[in-house]
Amino acid sequence: MQGIEEQLAQPALVNTDPSEMSESELSKLEVVRLPDTAKTALVTMQASAVVSWISADMLASYVLLREAEIAAASEQSLEALTLKYRQVF
């Protein structure tokens, strides 16, 4: 919605799998890879403009929760995590 409201230019369309594109192709199209770990995603979120939409208390609570989840997940095998998430969701 923000892009529409601010009348931002539409980015170039990507009609192929970005994982198969070279770094130069990604750069030319201004494609940014998504974080590949929960920790990297959390750090990326904290550095983004999105955090300005969230109160400081809410952000701090969210970060603490996600850090605890990341720590707990790091102590479990992939199979145990898969089973746990399958049961919850």
Protein backbone atom coordinates (compact mmCIF):
# COMPACT_ATOMS: atom_id res chain seq x y z
CA MET A 1 0.00 0.00 0.00
CA GLN A 2 2.83 2.39 0.79
CA GLY A 3 4.15 2.14 -2.77
CA ILE A 4 0.74 3.01 -4.17
CA GLU A 5 0.19 5.86 -1.74
CA GLU A 6 3.62 7.33 -2.45
CA GLN A 7 3.30 6.61 -6.18
CA LEU A 8 6.61 4.74 -6.24
CA ALA A 9 7.86 3.30 -9.52
CA GLN A 10 7.05 -0.35 -10.09
CA PRO A 11 10.16 -2.54 -9.88
CA ALA A 12 11.26 -4.61 -12.86
CA LEU A 13 9.41 -7.90 -13.23
CA VAL A 14 11.39 -11.06 -12.58
CA ASN A 15 10.08 -13.93 -14.70
CA THR A 16 12.61 -16.54 -13.63
CA ASP A 17 13.78 -18.26 -10.48
CA PRO A 18 16.02 -15.72 -8.70
CA SER A 19 18.11 -18.56 -7.23
CA GLU A 20 19.26 -19.35 -10.76
CA MET A 21 20.32 -15.77 -11.52
CA SER A 22 23.89 -14.51 -11.34
CA GLU A 23 24.86 -11.80 -8.87
CA SER A 24 25.15 -9.31 -11.75
CA GLU A 25 21.62 -10.15 -12.97
CA LEU A 26 20.26 -9.79 -9.44
CA SER A 27 22.04 -6.46 -9.04
CA LYS A 28 20.82 -5.15 -12.41
CA LEU A 29 17.21 -5.92 -11.46
CA GLU A 30 17.75 -4.71 -7.87
CA VAL A 31 16.67 -8.08 -6.51
CA VAL A 32 17.68 -8.56 -2.88
CA ARG A 33 17.86 -12.06 -1.49
CA LEU A 34 15.71 -12.78 1.55
CA PRO A 35 17.50 -13.68 4.78
CA ASP A 36 18.32 -17.38 4.96
CA THR A 37 18.17 -17.78 8.75
CA ALA A 38 15.82 -16.59 11.48
CA LYS A 39 18.69 -14.69 13.15
CA THR A 40 19.58 -12.90 9.90
CA ALA A 41 15.91 -12.08 9.32
CA LEU A 42 15.64 -10.60 12.81
CA VAL A 43 18.78 -8.46 12.35
CA THR A 44 17.56 -7.34 8.90
CA MET A 45 14.16 -6.39 10.30
CA GLN A 46 15.73 -4.37 13.11
CA ALA A 47 17.78 -2.41 10.56
CA SER A 48 14.80 -1.71 8.29
CA ALA A 49 12.36 1.18 8.14
CA VAL A 50 9.58 -1.21 9.16
CA VAL A 51 10.56 -0.86 12.81
CA SER A 52 9.40 2.76 12.74
CA TRP A 53 5.85 1.42 12.45
CA ILE A 54 6.16 -0.47 15.74
CA SER A 55 6.35 0.98 19.24
CA ALA A 56 9.69 0.57 21.02
CA ASP A 57 8.12 -1.66 23.69
CA MET A 58 6.43 -3.88 21.13
CA LEU A 59 9.64 -4.18 19.10
CA ALA A 60 11.69 -5.04 22.19
CA SER A 61 9.15 -7.71 23.19
CA TYR A 62 9.10 -9.18 19.68
CA VAL A 63 12.90 -9.28 19.46
CA LEU A 64 13.20 -10.97 22.86
CA LEU A 65 10.58 -13.56 21.89
CA ARG A 66 12.24 -14.32 18.54
CA GLU A 67 15.71 -14.53 20.14
CA ALA A 68 14.37 -17.02 22.70
CA GLU A 69 12.74 -19.04 19.92
CA ILE A 70 15.98 -19.04 17.90
CA ALA A 71 17.97 -20.16 20.96
CA ALA A 72 15.49 -22.94 21.77
CA ALA A 73 15.43 -24.12 18.15
CA SER A 74 19.23 -24.24 17.97
CA GLU A 75 19.22 -26.94 20.65
CA GLN A 76 16.93 -29.28 18.71
CA SER A 77 17.33 -31.47 15.67
CA LEU A 78 15.53 -30.67 12.44
CA GLU A 79 13.31 -33.70 12.97
CA ALA A 80 12.30 -32.58 16.48
CA LEU A 81 11.57 -29.04 15.27
CA THR A 82 9.54 -30.32 12.34
CA LEU A 83 7.46 -32.50 14.65
CA LYS A 84 6.93 -29.64 17.11
CA TYR A 85 5.78 -27.19 14.41
CA ARG A 86 3.59 -29.85 12.81
CA GLN A 87 1.82 -30.36 16.14
CA VAL A 88 1.36 -26.63 16.77
CA PHE A 89 0.31 -25.57 13.28
